[in-house]
Amino acid sequence: MLLQSSETFTHSCFKQPKKNHNDKDLQKMLMQVLQNVGISSDKVQFNENDVLEIGQIPNLKLHTLMLEIEKLGLEMKYTKKTMIEIC
């Protein structure tokens, strides 16, 4: 049995207007931002659904990543999940 709890909020950037980017441009931008905040590329991969997966990273780097994304004028949806597998 799997127990899952989640909390979600969407953050809109108010400093800059929302920009439209195609998926490939957005992937390149995010990879550059990840490098800039010190997240190693060996912890990052795109899965078969083009979802960017990042291995465990410190909370401070995650927060810095979110600030950098905000500077780009991008909207974020943040979902925090806790999953407990009961055996």
Protein backbone atom coordinates (compact mmCIF):
# COMPACT_ATOMS: atom_id res chain seq x y z
CA MET A 1 0.00 0.00 0.00
CA LEU A 2 1.21 3.49 -0.81
CA LEU A 3 0.29 6.57 1.21
CA GLN A 4 0.85 9.92 -0.46
CA SER A 5 0.43 13.43 0.87
CA SER A 6 1.01 16.50 -1.30
CA GLU A 7 0.83 20.26 -1.15
CA THR A 8 0.82 22.48 -4.27
CA PHE A 9 0.99 26.16 -5.05
CA THR A 10 1.51 28.12 -8.26
CA HIS A 11 3.81 31.10 -8.18
CA SER A 12 3.42 33.81 -10.81
CA CYS A 13 6.24 36.23 -11.38
CA PHE A 14 5.12 39.84 -10.93
CA LYS A 15 8.38 41.59 -11.86
CA GLN A 16 8.44 40.59 -15.51
CA PRO A 17 5.67 39.61 -17.90
CA LYS A 18 5.32 35.92 -18.59
CA LYS A 19 7.33 34.88 -21.64
CA ASN A 20 6.47 32.08 -24.00
CA HIS A 21 9.25 29.57 -24.68
CA ASN A 22 9.25 26.38 -26.70
CA ASP A 23 10.17 23.18 -24.86
CA LYS A 24 13.71 22.89 -26.25
CA ASP A 25 14.58 26.51 -25.42
CA LEU A 26 13.15 26.06 -21.94
CA GLN A 27 15.19 22.87 -21.41
CA LYS A 28 18.39 24.68 -22.43
CA MET A 29 17.61 27.62 -20.16
CA LEU A 30 16.88 25.37 -17.18
CA MET A 31 20.07 23.36 -17.70
CA GLN A 32 22.04 26.62 -17.70
CA VAL A 33 20.28 27.83 -14.53
CA LEU A 34 20.98 24.48 -12.84
CA GLN A 35 24.69 24.82 -13.65
CA ASN A 36 24.70 28.42 -12.41
CA VAL A 37 23.30 27.44 -9.01
CA GLY A 38 25.81 24.60 -8.67
CA ILE A 39 23.63 21.58 -9.39
CA SER A 40 25.81 19.00 -11.08
CA SER A 41 24.67 17.72 -14.48
CA ASP A 42 25.16 14.12 -13.28
CA LYS A 43 22.18 14.66 -10.92
CA VAL A 44 19.97 15.86 -13.80
CA GLN A 45 18.24 13.88 -16.52
CA PHE A 46 15.20 14.08 -18.76
CA ASN A 47 12.99 11.01 -18.63
CA GLU A 48 11.07 9.53 -21.57
CA ASN A 49 8.23 12.05 -21.01
CA ASP A 50 10.65 15.02 -21.14
CA VAL A 51 10.25 15.56 -17.40
CA LEU A 52 13.39 17.00 -15.85
CA GLU A 53 14.39 14.80 -12.92
CA ILE A 54 16.87 16.05 -10.34
CA GLY A 55 18.44 13.88 -7.67
CA GLN A 56 18.34 15.02 -4.08
CA ILE A 57 19.68 18.56 -3.74
CA PRO A 58 20.08 20.80 -0.69
CA ASN A 59 17.11 23.06 0.10
CA LEU A 60 19.21 26.21 -0.31
CA LYS A 61 20.12 25.26 -3.89
CA LEU A 62 16.49 24.44 -4.63
CA HIS A 63 15.44 27.85 -3.30
CA THR A 64 18.15 29.56 -5.37
CA LEU A 65 16.94 27.65 -8.44
CA MET A 66 13.40 28.91 -7.86
CA LEU A 67 14.65 32.51 -7.52
CA GLU A 68 16.59 32.21 -10.78
CA ILE A 69 13.52 30.84 -12.56
CA GLU A 70 11.52 33.78 -11.21
CA LYS A 71 14.12 36.21 -12.61
CA LEU A 72 13.50 34.70 -16.06
CA GLY A 73 9.83 35.67 -15.77
CA LEU A 74 8.63 32.08 -15.74
CA GLU A 75 5.64 30.78 -13.78
CA MET A 76 6.26 27.89 -11.38
CA LYS A 77 3.99 25.25 -9.96
CA TYR A 78 5.55 23.79 -6.82
CA THR A 79 4.35 20.41 -5.59
CA LYS A 80 5.85 18.83 -2.53
CA LYS A 81 5.06 15.16 -2.10
CA THR A 82 5.69 12.74 0.70
CA MET A 83 5.24 9.11 -0.22
CA ILE A 84 5.25 6.31 2.32
CA GLU A 85 5.28 2.74 1.11
CA ILE A 86 3.71 0.39 3.64
CA CYS A 87 4.89 -3.18 3.32
